[in-house]
């Protein structure tokens, strides 16, 4: 039985076919870390985890990436209000996110880049 997913680009249900035989690279938008995550956030992360586990079960080599958005207007505003640096303010929520992730038994991503580590890359993309 084939795996059929909704392609958000074509807006159609399509049979899953990896770009590279036997390998899957998957990206999931992670949390914006200005507060604790709620059950709605974890619904998405649980779905990503389920898909990843299924693909591994089917024999694919899976590389999972999930970003952490550690800079935005709310983060800047709230870190200033708390009298903390942006880094220490967001790290407390990153740590809590990781604890919740593990408490739910979810697999941590293989790669977890922070937005602030790739600002130059983002600027280059939109030039």
PDB file of N, CA and C in Angstrom:
ATOM      1  N   UNK A   1       0.848  -1.178   0.000  1.00  0.00           N
ATOM      2  CA  UNK A   1       0.000   0.000   0.000  1.00  0.00           C
ATOM      3  C   UNK A   1       0.892   1.239   0.000  1.00  0.00           C
ATOM      4  N   UNK A   2       0.611   2.162  -0.883  1.00  0.00           N
ATOM      5  CA  UNK A   2       1.420   3.369  -1.034  1.00  0.00           C
ATOM      6  C   UNK A   2       1.067   4.403   0.039  1.00  0.00           C
ATOM      7  N   UNK A   3       2.055   5.202   0.393  1.00  0.00           N
ATOM      8  CA  UNK A   3       1.836   6.323   1.303  1.00  0.00           C
ATOM      9  C   UNK A   3       1.355   7.504   0.468  1.00  0.00           C
ATOM     10  N   UNK A   4       0.187   8.013   0.794  1.00  0.00           N
ATOM     11  CA  UNK A   4      -0.396   9.141   0.073  1.00  0.00           C
ATOM     12  C   UNK A   4      -0.481  10.316   1.040  1.00  0.00           C
ATOM     13  N   UNK A   5       0.074  11.446   0.612  1.00  0.00           N
ATOM     14  CA  UNK A   5       0.078  12.655   1.429  1.00  0.00           C
ATOM     15  C   UNK A   5      -0.483  13.817   0.620  1.00  0.00           C
ATOM     16  N   UNK A   6      -0.944  14.828   1.300  1.00  0.00           N
ATOM     17  CA  UNK A   6      -1.398  16.042   0.616  1.00  0.00           C
ATOM     18  C   UNK A   6      -0.186  16.914   0.349  1.00  0.00           C
ATOM     19  N   UNK A   7       0.016  17.250  -0.909  1.00  0.00           N
ATOM     20  CA  UNK A   7       1.099  18.136  -1.316  1.00  0.00           C
ATOM     21  C   UNK A   7       0.585  19.568  -1.169  1.00  0.00           C
ATOM     22  N   UNK A   8       1.165  20.325  -0.244  1.00  0.00           N
ATOM     23  CA  UNK A   8       0.675  21.685   0.003  1.00  0.00           C
ATOM     24  C   UNK A   8       0.969  22.622  -1.168  1.00  0.00           C
ATOM     25  N   UNK A   9       1.933  22.265  -2.014  1.00  0.00           N
ATOM     26  CA  UNK A   9       2.229  23.094  -3.184  1.00  0.00           C
ATOM     27  C   UNK A   9       1.171  22.891  -4.268  1.00  0.00           C
ATOM     28  N   UNK A  10       0.878  21.638  -4.596  1.00  0.00           N
ATOM     29  CA  UNK A  10      -0.111  21.348  -5.642  1.00  0.00           C
ATOM     30  C   UNK A  10      -1.540  21.313  -5.097  1.00  0.00           C
ATOM     31  N   UNK A  11      -1.658  21.215  -3.775  1.00  0.00           N
ATOM     32  CA  UNK A  11      -2.953  21.099  -3.098  1.00  0.00           C
ATOM     33  C   UNK A  11      -3.705  19.831  -3.510  1.00  0.00           C
ATOM     34  N   UNK A  12      -2.931  18.819  -3.845  1.00  0.00           N
ATOM     35  CA  UNK A  12      -3.494  17.539  -4.262  1.00  0.00           C
ATOM     36  C   UNK A  12      -2.941  16.426  -3.383  1.00  0.00           C
ATOM     37  N   UNK A  13      -3.697  15.336  -3.266  1.00  0.00           N
ATOM     38  CA  UNK A  13      -3.170  14.135  -2.635  1.00  0.00           C
ATOM     39  C   UNK A  13      -2.282  13.443  -3.658  1.00  0.00           C
ATOM     40  N   UNK A  14      -1.075  13.074  -3.216  1.00  0.00           N
ATOM     41  CA  UNK A  14      -0.119  12.452  -4.125  1.00  0.00           C
ATOM     42  C   UNK A  14       0.586  11.297  -3.425  1.00  0.00           C
ATOM     43  N   UNK A  15       0.959  10.302  -4.219  1.00  0.00           N
ATOM     44  CA  UNK A  15       1.743   9.200  -3.681  1.00  0.00           C
ATOM     45  C   UNK A  15       3.130   9.717  -3.336  1.00  0.00           C
ATOM     46  N   UNK A  16       3.607   9.350  -2.147  1.00  0.00           N
ATOM     47  CA  UNK A  16       4.931   9.781  -1.710  1.00  0.00           C
ATOM     48  C   UNK A  16       6.006   9.047  -2.496  1.00  0.00           C
ATOM     49  N   UNK A  17       6.940   9.830  -3.049  1.00  0.00           N
ATOM     50  CA  UNK A  17       8.106   9.279  -3.737  1.00  0.00           C
ATOM     51  C   UNK A  17       9.310  10.109  -3.310  1.00  0.00           C
ATOM     52  N   UNK A  18      10.307   9.477  -2.685  1.00  0.00           N
ATOM     53  CA  UNK A  18      11.469  10.254  -2.226  1.00  0.00           C
ATOM     54  C   UNK A  18      12.267  10.807  -3.403  1.00  0.00           C
ATOM     55  N   UNK A  19      12.907  11.944  -3.187  1.00  0.00           N
ATOM     56  CA  UNK A  19      13.753  12.533  -4.224  1.00  0.00           C
ATOM     57  C   UNK A  19      14.975  11.671  -4.489  1.00  0.00           C
ATOM     58  N   UNK A  20      15.450  11.005  -3.440  1.00  0.00           N
ATOM     59  CA  UNK A  20      16.613  10.127  -3.539  1.00  0.00           C
ATOM     60  C   UNK A  20      16.210   8.752  -3.017  1.00  0.00           C
ATOM     61  N   UNK A  21      16.460   7.731  -3.800  1.00  0.00           N
ATOM     62  CA  UNK A  21      16.059   6.366  -3.442  1.00  0.00           C
ATOM     63  C   UNK A  21      16.550   5.979  -2.046  1.00  0.00           C
ATOM     64  N   UNK A  22      15.628   5.574  -1.195  1.00  0.00           N
ATOM     65  CA  UNK A  22      15.972   5.073   0.130  1.00  0.00           C
ATOM     66  C   UNK A  22      16.273   6.131   1.175  1.00  0.00           C
ATOM     67  N   UNK A  23      16.211   7.410   0.783  1.00  0.00           N
ATOM     68  CA  UNK A  23      16.529   8.486   1.728  1.00  0.00           C
ATOM     69  C   UNK A  23      15.424   9.533   1.729  1.00  0.00           C
ATOM     70  N   UNK A  24      15.159  10.058   2.910  1.00  0.00           N
ATOM     71  CA  UNK A  24      14.172  11.123   3.054  1.00  0.00           C
ATOM     72  C   UNK A  24      14.787  12.213   3.912  1.00  0.00           C
ATOM     73  N   UNK A  25      14.696  13.430   3.422  1.00  0.00           N
ATOM     74  CA  UNK A  25      15.091  14.597   4.210  1.00  0.00           C
ATOM     75  C   UNK A  25      13.804  15.371   4.481  1.00  0.00           C
ATOM     76  N   UNK A  26      13.493  15.525   5.757  1.00  0.00           N
ATOM     77  CA  UNK A  26      12.246  16.207   6.093  1.00  0.00           C
ATOM     78  C   UNK A  26      12.508  17.418   6.985  1.00  0.00           C
ATOM     79  N   UNK A  27      11.750  18.469   6.715  1.00  0.00           N
ATOM     80  CA  UNK A  27      11.870  19.714   7.472  1.00  0.00           C
ATOM     81  C   UNK A  27      10.523  20.019   8.111  1.00  0.00           C
ATOM     82  N   UNK A  28      10.561  20.409   9.357  1.00  0.00           N
ATOM     83  CA  UNK A  28       9.352  20.841  10.054  1.00  0.00           C
ATOM     84  C   UNK A  28       9.631  22.175  10.725  1.00  0.00           C
ATOM     85  N   UNK A  29       8.689  23.074  10.578  1.00  0.00           N
ATOM     86  CA  UNK A  29       8.806  24.358  11.248  1.00  0.00           C
ATOM     87  C   UNK A  29       8.626  24.129  12.745  1.00  0.00           C
ATOM     88  N   UNK A  30       9.616  24.512  13.500  1.00  0.00           N
ATOM     89  CA  UNK A  30       9.578  24.329  14.947  1.00  0.00           C
ATOM     90  C   UNK A  30       8.960  25.526  15.640  1.00  0.00           C
ATOM     91  N   UNK A  31       9.113  25.597  16.944  1.00  0.00           N
ATOM     92  CA  UNK A  31       8.448  26.642  17.719  1.00  0.00           C
ATOM     93  C   UNK A  31       9.165  27.990  17.662  1.00  0.00           C
ATOM     94  N   UNK A  32       8.384  29.035  17.893  1.00  0.00           N
ATOM     95  CA  UNK A  32       8.940  30.340  18.213  1.00  0.00           C
ATOM     96  C   UNK A  32       9.020  30.359  19.734  1.00  0.00           C
ATOM     97  N   UNK A  33      10.234  30.505  20.247  1.00  0.00           N
ATOM     98  CA  UNK A  33      10.474  30.251  21.670  1.00  0.00           C
ATOM     99  C   UNK A  33      10.407  31.529  22.517  1.00  0.00           C
ATOM    100  N   UNK A  34       9.188  32.092  22.593  1.00  0.00           N
ATOM    101  CA  UNK A  34       8.953  33.260  23.440  1.00  0.00           C
ATOM    102  C   UNK A  34       8.085  32.907  24.643  1.00  0.00           C
ATOM    103  N   UNK A  35       7.620  31.641  24.672  1.00  0.00           N
ATOM    104  CA  UNK A  35       6.773  31.182  25.766  1.00  0.00           C
ATOM    105  C   UNK A  35       6.785  29.658  25.741  1.00  0.00           C
ATOM    106  N   UNK A  36       6.094  29.047  26.692  1.00  0.00           N
ATOM    107  CA  UNK A  36       5.985  27.594  26.703  1.00  0.00           C
ATOM    108  C   UNK A  36       5.103  27.152  25.543  1.00  0.00           C
ATOM    109  N   UNK A  37       5.367  25.974  25.024  1.00  0.00           N
ATOM    110  CA  UNK A  37       4.561  25.436  23.937  1.00  0.00           C
ATOM    111  C   UNK A  37       3.289  24.826  24.511  1.00  0.00           C
ATOM    112  N   UNK A  38       2.231  24.825  23.717  1.00  0.00           N
ATOM    113  CA  UNK A  38       0.954  24.279  24.171  1.00  0.00           C
ATOM    114  C   UNK A  38       0.602  23.025  23.370  1.00  0.00           C
ATOM    115  N   UNK A  39      -0.495  22.400  23.740  1.00  0.00           N
ATOM    116  CA  UNK A  39      -0.873  21.127  23.132  1.00  0.00           C
ATOM    117  C   UNK A  39      -1.076  21.252  21.621  1.00  0.00           C
ATOM    118  N   UNK A  40      -1.547  22.405  21.164  1.00  0.00           N
ATOM    119  CA  UNK A  40      -1.709  22.618  19.722  1.00  0.00           C
ATOM    120  C   UNK A  40      -0.378  22.557  18.992  1.00  0.00           C
ATOM    121  N   UNK A  41       0.666  23.146  19.593  1.00  0.00           N
ATOM    122  CA  UNK A  41       2.004  23.056  19.006  1.00  0.00           C
ATOM    123  C   UNK A  41       2.450  21.599  18.942  1.00  0.00           C
ATOM    124  N   UNK A  42       2.237  20.892  20.036  1.00  0.00           N
ATOM    125  CA  UNK A  42       2.721  19.515  20.104  1.00  0.00           C
ATOM    126  C   UNK A  42       1.919  18.566  19.220  1.00  0.00           C
ATOM    127  N   UNK A  43       0.722  18.961  18.825  1.00  0.00           N
ATOM    128  CA  UNK A  43      -0.028  18.161  17.853  1.00  0.00           C
ATOM    129  C   UNK A  43       0.769  18.084  16.556  1.00  0.00           C
ATOM    130  N   UNK A  44       1.282  19.205  16.104  1.00  0.00           N
ATOM    131  CA  UNK A  44       2.090  19.233  14.885  1.00  0.00           C
ATOM    132  C   UNK A  44       3.357  18.412  15.054  1.00  0.00           C
ATOM    133  N   UNK A  45       4.056  18.611  16.163  1.00  0.00           N
ATOM    134  CA  UNK A  45       5.320  17.896  16.375  1.00  0.00           C
ATOM    135  C   UNK A  45       5.091  16.388  16.480  1.00  0.00           C
ATOM    136  N   UNK A  46       3.944  16.003  17.043  1.00  0.00           N
ATOM    137  CA  UNK A  46       3.614  14.581  17.152  1.00  0.00           C
ATOM    138  C   UNK A  46       3.356  13.982  15.770  1.00  0.00           C
ATOM    139  N   UNK A  47       2.682  14.721  14.911  1.00  0.00           N
ATOM    140  CA  UNK A  47       2.441  14.249  13.548  1.00  0.00           C
ATOM    141  C   UNK A  47       3.772  14.065  12.810  1.00  0.00           C
ATOM    142  N   UNK A  48       4.661  15.020  12.932  1.00  0.00           N
ATOM    143  CA  UNK A  48       5.975  14.927  12.287  1.00  0.00           C
ATOM    144  C   UNK A  48       6.727  13.700  12.809  1.00  0.00           C
ATOM    145  N   UNK A  49       6.664  13.476  14.113  1.00  0.00           N
ATOM    146  CA  UNK A  49       7.321  12.323  14.719  1.00  0.00           C
ATOM    147  C   UNK A  49       6.736  11.018  14.175  1.00  0.00           C
ATOM    148  N   UNK A  50       5.428  10.953  14.074  1.00  0.00           N
ATOM    149  CA  UNK A  50       4.762   9.758  13.558  1.00  0.00           C
ATOM    150  C   UNK A  50       5.182   9.473  12.114  1.00  0.00           C
ATOM    151  N   UNK A  51       5.196  10.498  11.284  1.00  0.00           N
ATOM    152  CA  UNK A  51       5.618  10.334   9.893  1.00  0.00           C
ATOM    153  C   UNK A  51       7.068   9.871   9.818  1.00  0.00           C
ATOM    154  N   UNK A  52       7.920  10.482  10.603  1.00  0.00           N
ATOM    155  CA  UNK A  52       9.339  10.104  10.626  1.00  0.00           C
ATOM    156  C   UNK A  52       9.514   8.636  11.026  1.00  0.00           C
ATOM    157  N   UNK A  53       8.838   8.221  12.082  1.00  0.00           N
ATOM    158  CA  UNK A  53       8.934   6.829  12.541  1.00  0.00           C
ATOM    159  C   UNK A  53       8.409   5.863  11.474  1.00  0.00           C
ATOM    160  N   UNK A  54       7.321   6.244  10.817  1.00  0.00           N
ATOM    161  CA  UNK A  54       6.761   5.386   9.775  1.00  0.00           C
ATOM    162  C   UNK A  54       7.753   5.225   8.625  1.00  0.00           C
ATOM    163  N   UNK A  55       8.352   6.327   8.203  1.00  0.00           N
ATOM    164  CA  UNK A  55       9.323   6.260   7.107  1.00  0.00           C
ATOM    165  C   UNK A  55      10.524   5.400   7.490  1.00  0.00           C
ATOM    166  N   UNK A  56      10.982   5.524   8.727  1.00  0.00           N
ATOM    167  CA  UNK A  56      12.081   4.666   9.201  1.00  0.00           C
ATOM    168  C   UNK A  56      11.651   3.201   9.196  1.00  0.00           C
ATOM    169  N   UNK A  57      10.438   2.949   9.663  1.00  0.00           N
ATOM    170  CA  UNK A  57       9.896   1.588   9.683  1.00  0.00           C
ATOM    171  C   UNK A  57       9.865   0.996   8.273  1.00  0.00           C
ATOM    172  N   UNK A  58       9.557   1.825   7.285  1.00  0.00           N
ATOM    173  CA  UNK A  58       9.503   1.375   5.898  1.00  0.00           C
ATOM    174  C   UNK A  58      10.889   1.248   5.273  1.00  0.00           C
ATOM    175  N   UNK A  59      11.937   1.539   6.060  1.00  0.00           N
ATOM    176  CA  UNK A  59      13.297   1.313   5.597  1.00  0.00           C
ATOM    177  C   UNK A  59      14.036   2.519   5.066  1.00  0.00           C
ATOM    178  N   UNK A  60      13.434   3.678   5.150  1.00  0.00           N
ATOM    179  CA  UNK A  60      14.109   4.883   4.674  1.00  0.00           C
ATOM    180  C   UNK A  60      15.140   5.370   5.687  1.00  0.00           C
ATOM    181  N   UNK A  61      16.212   5.921   5.165  1.00  0.00           N
ATOM    182  CA  UNK A  61      17.169   6.657   5.992  1.00  0.00           C
ATOM    183  C   UNK A  61      16.620   8.081   6.086  1.00  0.00           C
ATOM    184  N   UNK A  62      16.233   8.487   7.282  1.00  0.00           N
ATOM    185  CA  UNK A  62      15.545   9.769   7.456  1.00  0.00           C
ATOM    186  C   UNK A  62      16.447  10.771   8.169  1.00  0.00           C
ATOM    187  N   UNK A  63      16.557  11.955   7.588  1.00  0.00           N
ATOM    188  CA  UNK A  63      17.215  13.080   8.241  1.00  0.00           C
ATOM    189  C   UNK A  63      16.130  14.104   8.546  1.00  0.00           C
ATOM    190  N   UNK A  64      15.937  14.385   9.825  1.00  0.00           N
ATOM    191  CA  UNK A  64      14.881  15.297  10.255  1.00  0.00           C
ATOM    192  C   UNK A  64      15.486  16.612  10.737  1.00  0.00           C
ATOM    193  N   UNK A  65      14.925  17.703  10.235  1.00  0.00           N
ATOM    194  CA  UNK A  65      15.359  19.049  10.612  1.00  0.00           C
ATOM    195  C   UNK A  65      14.148  19.800  11.149  1.00  0.00           C
ATOM    196  N   UNK A  66      14.331  20.478  12.273  1.00  0.00           N
ATOM    197  CA  UNK A  66      13.286  21.337  12.830  1.00  0.00           C
ATOM    198  C   UNK A  66      13.952  22.606  13.350  1.00  0.00           C
ATOM    199  N   UNK A  67      13.502  23.737  12.841  1.00  0.00           N
ATOM    200  CA  UNK A  67      14.107  24.996  13.266  1.00  0.00           C
ATOM    201  C   UNK A  67      13.534  25.480  14.592  1.00  0.00           C
ATOM    202  N   UNK A  68      14.272  26.347  15.230  1.00  0.00           N
ATOM    203  CA  UNK A  68      13.801  27.083  16.403  1.00  0.00           C
ATOM    204  C   UNK A  68      13.852  28.561  16.037  1.00  0.00           C
ATOM    205  N   UNK A  69      12.715  29.232  16.082  1.00  0.00           N
ATOM    206  CA  UNK A  69      12.693  30.665  15.815  1.00  0.00           C
ATOM    207  C   UNK A  69      12.984  31.371  17.130  1.00  0.00           C
ATOM    208  N   UNK A  70      14.193  31.924  17.210  1.00  0.00           N
ATOM    209  CA  UNK A  70      14.648  32.528  18.467  1.00  0.00           C
ATOM    210  C   UNK A  70      14.822  34.038  18.358  1.00  0.00           C
ATOM    211  N   UNK A  71      14.152  34.637  17.375  1.00  0.00           N
ATOM    212  CA  UNK A  71      14.123  36.094  17.276  1.00  0.00           C
ATOM    213  C   UNK A  71      12.844  36.492  16.536  1.00  0.00           C
ATOM    214  N   UNK A  72      12.097  37.367  17.136  1.00  0.00           N
ATOM    215  CA  UNK A  72      10.943  38.007  16.503  1.00  0.00           C
ATOM    216  C   UNK A  72      10.503  39.146  17.421  1.00  0.00           C
ATOM    217  N   UNK A  73       9.493  39.866  17.015  1.00  0.00           N
ATOM    218  CA  UNK A  73       9.069  41.043  17.778  1.00  0.00           C
ATOM    219  C   UNK A  73       8.659  40.701  19.210  1.00  0.00           C
ATOM    220  N   UNK A  74       7.929  39.606  19.391  1.00  0.00           N
ATOM    221  CA  UNK A  74       7.493  39.219  20.743  1.00  0.00           C
ATOM    222  C   UNK A  74       8.689  38.860  21.620  1.00  0.00           C
ATOM    223  N   UNK A  75       9.657  38.177  21.047  1.00  0.00           N
ATOM    224  CA  UNK A  75      10.851  37.796  21.810  1.00  0.00           C
ATOM    225  C   UNK A  75      11.616  39.037  22.244  1.00  0.00           C
ATOM    226  N   UNK A  76      11.792  39.965  21.335  1.00  0.00           N
ATOM    227  CA  UNK A  76      12.521  41.196  21.660  1.00  0.00           C
ATOM    228  C   UNK A  76      11.776  41.967  22.749  1.00  0.00           C
ATOM    229  N   UNK A  77      10.467  42.122  22.566  1.00  0.00           N
ATOM    230  CA  UNK A  77       9.645  42.845  23.551  1.00  0.00           C
ATOM    231  C   UNK A  77       9.681  42.169  24.926  1.00  0.00           C
ATOM    232  N   UNK A  78       9.444  40.865  24.942  1.00  0.00           N
ATOM    233  CA  UNK A  78       9.328  40.154  26.219  1.00  0.00           C
ATOM    234  C   UNK A  78      10.668  39.978  26.921  1.00  0.00           C
ATOM    235  N   UNK A  79      11.746  39.824  26.158  1.00  0.00           N
ATOM    236  CA  UNK A  79      13.063  39.702  26.800  1.00  0.00           C
ATOM    237  C   UNK A  79      13.460  41.027  27.446  1.00  0.00           C
ATOM    238  N   UNK A  80      13.137  42.123  26.781  1.00  0.00           N
ATOM    239  CA  UNK A  80      13.415  43.444  27.373  1.00  0.00           C
ATOM    240  C   UNK A  80      12.593  43.645  28.643  1.00  0.00           C
ATOM    241  N   UNK A  81      11.305  43.276  28.580  1.00  0.00           N
ATOM    242  CA  UNK A  81      10.425  43.434  29.747  1.00  0.00           C
ATOM    243  C   UNK A  81      10.912  42.588  30.923  1.00  0.00           C
ATOM    244  N   UNK A  82      11.512  41.435  30.620  1.00  0.00           N
ATOM    245  CA  UNK A  82      12.024  40.544  31.670  1.00  0.00           C
ATOM    246  C   UNK A  82      13.427  40.939  32.129  1.00  0.00           C
ATOM    247  N   UNK A  83      14.032  41.929  31.446  1.00  0.00           N
ATOM    248  CA  UNK A  83      15.386  42.354  31.798  1.00  0.00           C
ATOM    249  C   UNK A  83      16.431  41.296  31.490  1.00  0.00           C
ATOM    250  N   UNK A  84      16.186  40.519  30.442  1.00  0.00           N
ATOM    251  CA  UNK A  84      17.093  39.432  30.068  1.00  0.00           C
ATOM    252  C   UNK A  84      17.590  39.646  28.644  1.00  0.00           C
ATOM    253  N   UNK A  85      18.738  39.051  28.354  1.00  0.00           N
ATOM    254  CA  UNK A  85      19.197  39.061  26.967  1.00  0.00           C
ATOM    255  C   UNK A  85      18.265  38.171  26.147  1.00  0.00           C
ATOM    256  N   UNK A  86      18.222  38.407  24.850  1.00  0.00           N
ATOM    257  CA  UNK A  86      17.405  37.573  23.976  1.00  0.00           C
ATOM    258  C   UNK A  86      17.820  36.114  24.097  1.00  0.00           C
ATOM    259  N   UNK A  87      19.132  35.882  24.176  1.00  0.00           N
ATOM    260  CA  UNK A  87      19.651  34.516  24.241  1.00  0.00           C
ATOM    261  C   UNK A  87      19.189  33.786  25.502  1.00  0.00           C
ATOM    262  N   UNK A  88      19.340  34.439  26.668  1.00  0.00           N
ATOM    263  CA  UNK A  88      18.943  33.745  27.903  1.00  0.00           C
ATOM    264  C   UNK A  88      17.429  33.620  27.997  1.00  0.00           C
ATOM    265  N   UNK A  89      16.709  34.611  27.482  1.00  0.00           N
ATOM    266  CA  UNK A  89      15.248  34.557  27.486  1.00  0.00           C
ATOM    267  C   UNK A  89      14.749  33.377  26.660  1.00  0.00           C
ATOM    268  N   UNK A  90      15.266  33.236  25.443  1.00  0.00           N
ATOM    269  CA  UNK A  90      14.796  32.148  24.579  1.00  0.00           C
ATOM    270  C   UNK A  90      15.302  30.786  25.043  1.00  0.00           C
ATOM    271  N   UNK A  91      16.498  30.740  25.625  1.00  0.00           N
ATOM    272  CA  UNK A  91      17.054  29.443  26.027  1.00  0.00           C
ATOM    273  C   UNK A  91      16.192  28.753  27.085  1.00  0.00           C
ATOM    274  N   UNK A  92      15.585  29.541  27.978  1.00  0.00           N
ATOM    275  CA  UNK A  92      14.716  28.920  28.989  1.00  0.00           C
ATOM    276  C   UNK A  92      13.543  28.194  28.325  1.00  0.00           C
ATOM    277  N   UNK A  93      13.039  28.757  27.221  1.00  0.00           N
ATOM    278  CA  UNK A  93      11.913  28.133  26.527  1.00  0.00           C
ATOM    279  C   UNK A  93      12.370  27.002  25.609  1.00  0.00           C
ATOM    280  N   UNK A  94      13.581  27.102  25.088  1.00  0.00           N
ATOM    281  CA  UNK A  94      14.157  25.983  24.328  1.00  0.00           C
ATOM    282  C   UNK A  94      14.319  24.785  25.260  1.00  0.00           C
ATOM    283  N   UNK A  95      14.871  25.023  26.445  1.00  0.00           N
ATOM    284  CA  UNK A  95      15.064  23.936  27.415  1.00  0.00           C
ATOM    285  C   UNK A  95      13.726  23.294  27.803  1.00  0.00           C
ATOM    286  N   UNK A  96      12.720  24.120  28.055  1.00  0.00           N
ATOM    287  CA  UNK A  96      11.393  23.595  28.414  1.00  0.00           C
ATOM    288  C   UNK A  96      10.793  22.808  27.250  1.00  0.00           C
ATOM    289  N   UNK A  97      10.986  23.302  26.034  1.00  0.00           N
ATOM    290  CA  UNK A  97      10.502  22.602  24.841  1.00  0.00           C
ATOM    291  C   UNK A  97      11.138  21.223  24.739  1.00  0.00           C
ATOM    292  N   UNK A  98      12.451  21.161  24.935  1.00  0.00           N
ATOM    293  CA  UNK A  98      13.151  19.873  24.873  1.00  0.00           C
ATOM    294  C   UNK A  98      12.655  18.916  25.962  1.00  0.00           C
ATOM    295  N   UNK A  99      12.433  19.431  27.155  1.00  0.00           N
ATOM    296  CA  UNK A  99      11.915  18.590  28.250  1.00  0.00           C
ATOM    297  C   UNK A  99      10.534  18.034  27.905  1.00  0.00           C
ATOM    298  N   UNK A 100       9.668  18.885  27.374  1.00  0.00           N
ATOM    299  CA  UNK A 100       8.323  18.439  26.994  1.00  0.00           C
ATOM    300  C   UNK A 100       8.390  17.430  25.848  1.00  0.00           C
ATOM    301  N   UNK A 101       9.252  17.689  24.885  1.00  0.00           N
ATOM    302  CA  UNK A 101       9.440  16.803  23.734  1.00  0.00           C
ATOM    303  C   UNK A 101       9.793  15.405  24.215  1.00  0.00           C
ATOM    304  N   UNK A 102      10.756  15.350  25.133  1.00  0.00           N
ATOM    305  CA  UNK A 102      11.210  14.061  25.656  1.00  0.00           C
ATOM    306  C   UNK A 102      10.153  13.413  26.550  1.00  0.00           C
ATOM    307  N   UNK A 103       9.423  14.209  27.326  1.00  0.00           N
ATOM    308  CA  UNK A 103       8.368  13.659  28.185  1.00  0.00           C
ATOM    309  C   UNK A 103       7.269  13.002  27.350  1.00  0.00           C
ATOM    310  N   UNK A 104       7.055  13.521  26.153  1.00  0.00           N
ATOM    311  CA  UNK A 104       6.056  12.947  25.251  1.00  0.00           C
ATOM    312  C   UNK A 104       6.610  11.773  24.442  1.00  0.00           C
ATOM    313  N   UNK A 105       7.900  11.500  24.599  1.00  0.00           N
ATOM    314  CA  UNK A 105       8.507  10.379  23.883  1.00  0.00           C
ATOM    315  C   UNK A 105       8.753  10.649  22.413  1.00  0.00           C
ATOM    316  N   UNK A 106       8.845  11.917  22.033  1.00  0.00           N
ATOM    317  CA  UNK A 106       9.087  12.274  20.636  1.00  0.00           C
ATOM    318  C   UNK A 106      10.577  12.207  20.325  1.00  0.00           C
ATOM    319  N   UNK A 107      10.897  11.826  19.097  1.00  0.00           N
ATOM    320  CA  UNK A 107      12.291  11.785  18.659  1.00  0.00           C
ATOM    321  C   UNK A 107      12.782  13.199  18.391  1.00  0.00           C
ATOM    322  N   UNK A 108      13.916  13.543  18.953  1.00  0.00           N
ATOM    323  CA  UNK A 108      14.504  14.861  18.679  1.00  0.00           C
ATOM    324  C   UNK A 108      14.982  14.899  17.233  1.00  0.00           C
ATOM    325  N   UNK A 109      14.899  16.052  16.588  1.00  0.00           N
ATOM    326  CA  UNK A 109      15.388  16.153  15.214  1.00  0.00           C
ATOM    327  C   UNK A 109      16.893  15.912  15.144  1.00  0.00           C
ATOM    328  N   UNK A 110      17.352  15.490  13.980  1.00  0.00           N
ATOM    329  CA  UNK A 110      18.785  15.292  13.771  1.00  0.00           C
ATOM    330  C   UNK A 110      19.514  16.632  13.748  1.00  0.00           C
ATOM    331  N   UNK A 111      18.842  17.626  13.205  1.00  0.00           N
ATOM    332  CA  UNK A 111      19.413  18.972  13.090  1.00  0.00           C
ATOM    333  C   UNK A 111      18.360  19.951  13.600  1.00  0.00           C
ATOM    334  N   UNK A 112      18.784  20.888  14.443  1.00  0.00           N
ATOM    335  CA  UNK A 112      17.854  21.843  15.045  1.00  0.00           C
ATOM    336  C   UNK A 112      18.465  23.248  14.989  1.00  0.00           C
ATOM    337  N   UNK A 113      18.460  23.864  13.811  1.00  0.00           N
ATOM    338  CA  UNK A 113      19.068  25.190  13.692  1.00  0.00           C
ATOM    339  C   UNK A 113      18.201  26.277  14.319  1.00  0.00           C
ATOM    340  N   UNK A 114      18.884  27.271  14.859  1.00  0.00           N
ATOM    341  CA  UNK A 114      18.193  28.456  15.367  1.00  0.00           C
ATOM    342  C   UNK A 114      18.184  29.506  14.258  1.00  0.00           C
ATOM    343  N   UNK A 115      17.107  30.260  14.186  1.00  0.00           N
ATOM    344  CA  UNK A 115      16.984  31.291  13.158  1.00  0.00           C
ATOM    345  C   UNK A 115      18.152  32.269  13.201  1.00  0.00           C
ATOM    346  N   UNK A 116      18.589  32.633  14.407  1.00  0.00           N
ATOM    347  CA  UNK A 116      19.668  33.616  14.525  1.00  0.00           C
ATOM    348  C   UNK A 116      20.997  33.100  13.987  1.00  0.00           C
ATOM    349  N   UNK A 117      21.129  31.793  13.826  1.00  0.00           N
ATOM    350  CA  UNK A 117      22.359  31.222  13.262  1.00  0.00           C
ATOM    351  C   UNK A 117      22.382  31.318  11.740  1.00  0.00           C
ATOM    352  N   UNK A 118      21.258  31.730  11.131  1.00  0.00           N
ATOM    353  CA  UNK A 118      21.152  31.705   9.670  1.00  0.00           C
ATOM    354  C   UNK A 118      20.567  32.984   9.081  1.00  0.00           C
ATOM    355  N   UNK A 119      20.711  34.085   9.786  1.00  0.00           N
ATOM    356  CA  UNK A 119      20.152  35.341   9.285  1.00  0.00           C
ATOM    357  C   UNK A 119      20.816  35.750   7.973  1.00  0.00           C
ATOM    358  N   UNK A 120      22.134  35.635   7.884  1.00  0.00           N
ATOM    359  CA  UNK A 120      22.819  35.983   6.635  1.00  0.00           C
ATOM    360  C   UNK A 120      22.322  35.122   5.478  1.00  0.00           C
ATOM    361  N   UNK A 121      22.094  33.837   5.733  1.00  0.00           N
ATOM    362  CA  UNK A 121      21.571  32.945   4.695  1.00  0.00           C
ATOM    363  C   UNK A 121      20.192  33.403   4.231  1.00  0.00           C
ATOM    364  N   UNK A 122      19.341  33.799   5.173  1.00  0.00           N
ATOM    365  CA  UNK A 122      17.994  34.248   4.831  1.00  0.00           C
ATOM    366  C   UNK A 122      18.042  35.533   4.007  1.00  0.00           C
ATOM    367  N   UNK A 123      18.934  36.433   4.375  1.00  0.00           N
ATOM    368  CA  UNK A 123      19.084  37.682   3.626  1.00  0.00           C
ATOM    369  C   UNK A 123      19.539  37.374   2.204  1.00  0.00           C
ATOM    370  N   UNK A 124      20.497  36.464   2.056  1.00  0.00           N
ATOM    371  CA  UNK A 124      20.988  36.092   0.723  1.00  0.00           C
ATOM    372  C   UNK A 124      19.876  35.506  -0.144  1.00  0.00           C
ATOM    373  N   UNK A 125      18.996  34.734   0.448  1.00  0.00           N
ATOM    374  CA  UNK A 125      17.908  34.109  -0.308  1.00  0.00           C
ATOM    375  C   UNK A 125      16.963  35.156  -0.888  1.00  0.00           C
ATOM    376  N   UNK A 126      16.695  36.216  -0.151  1.00  0.00           N
ATOM    377  CA  UNK A 126      15.720  37.207  -0.618  1.00  0.00           C
ATOM    378  C   UNK A 126      16.333  38.347  -1.424  1.00  0.00           C
ATOM    379  N   UNK A 127      17.631  38.330  -1.602  1.00  0.00           N
ATOM    380  CA  UNK A 127      18.266  39.384  -2.413  1.00  0.00           C
ATOM    381  C   UNK A 127      17.910  39.234  -3.871  1.00  0.00           C
TER     382      UNK A 127
END
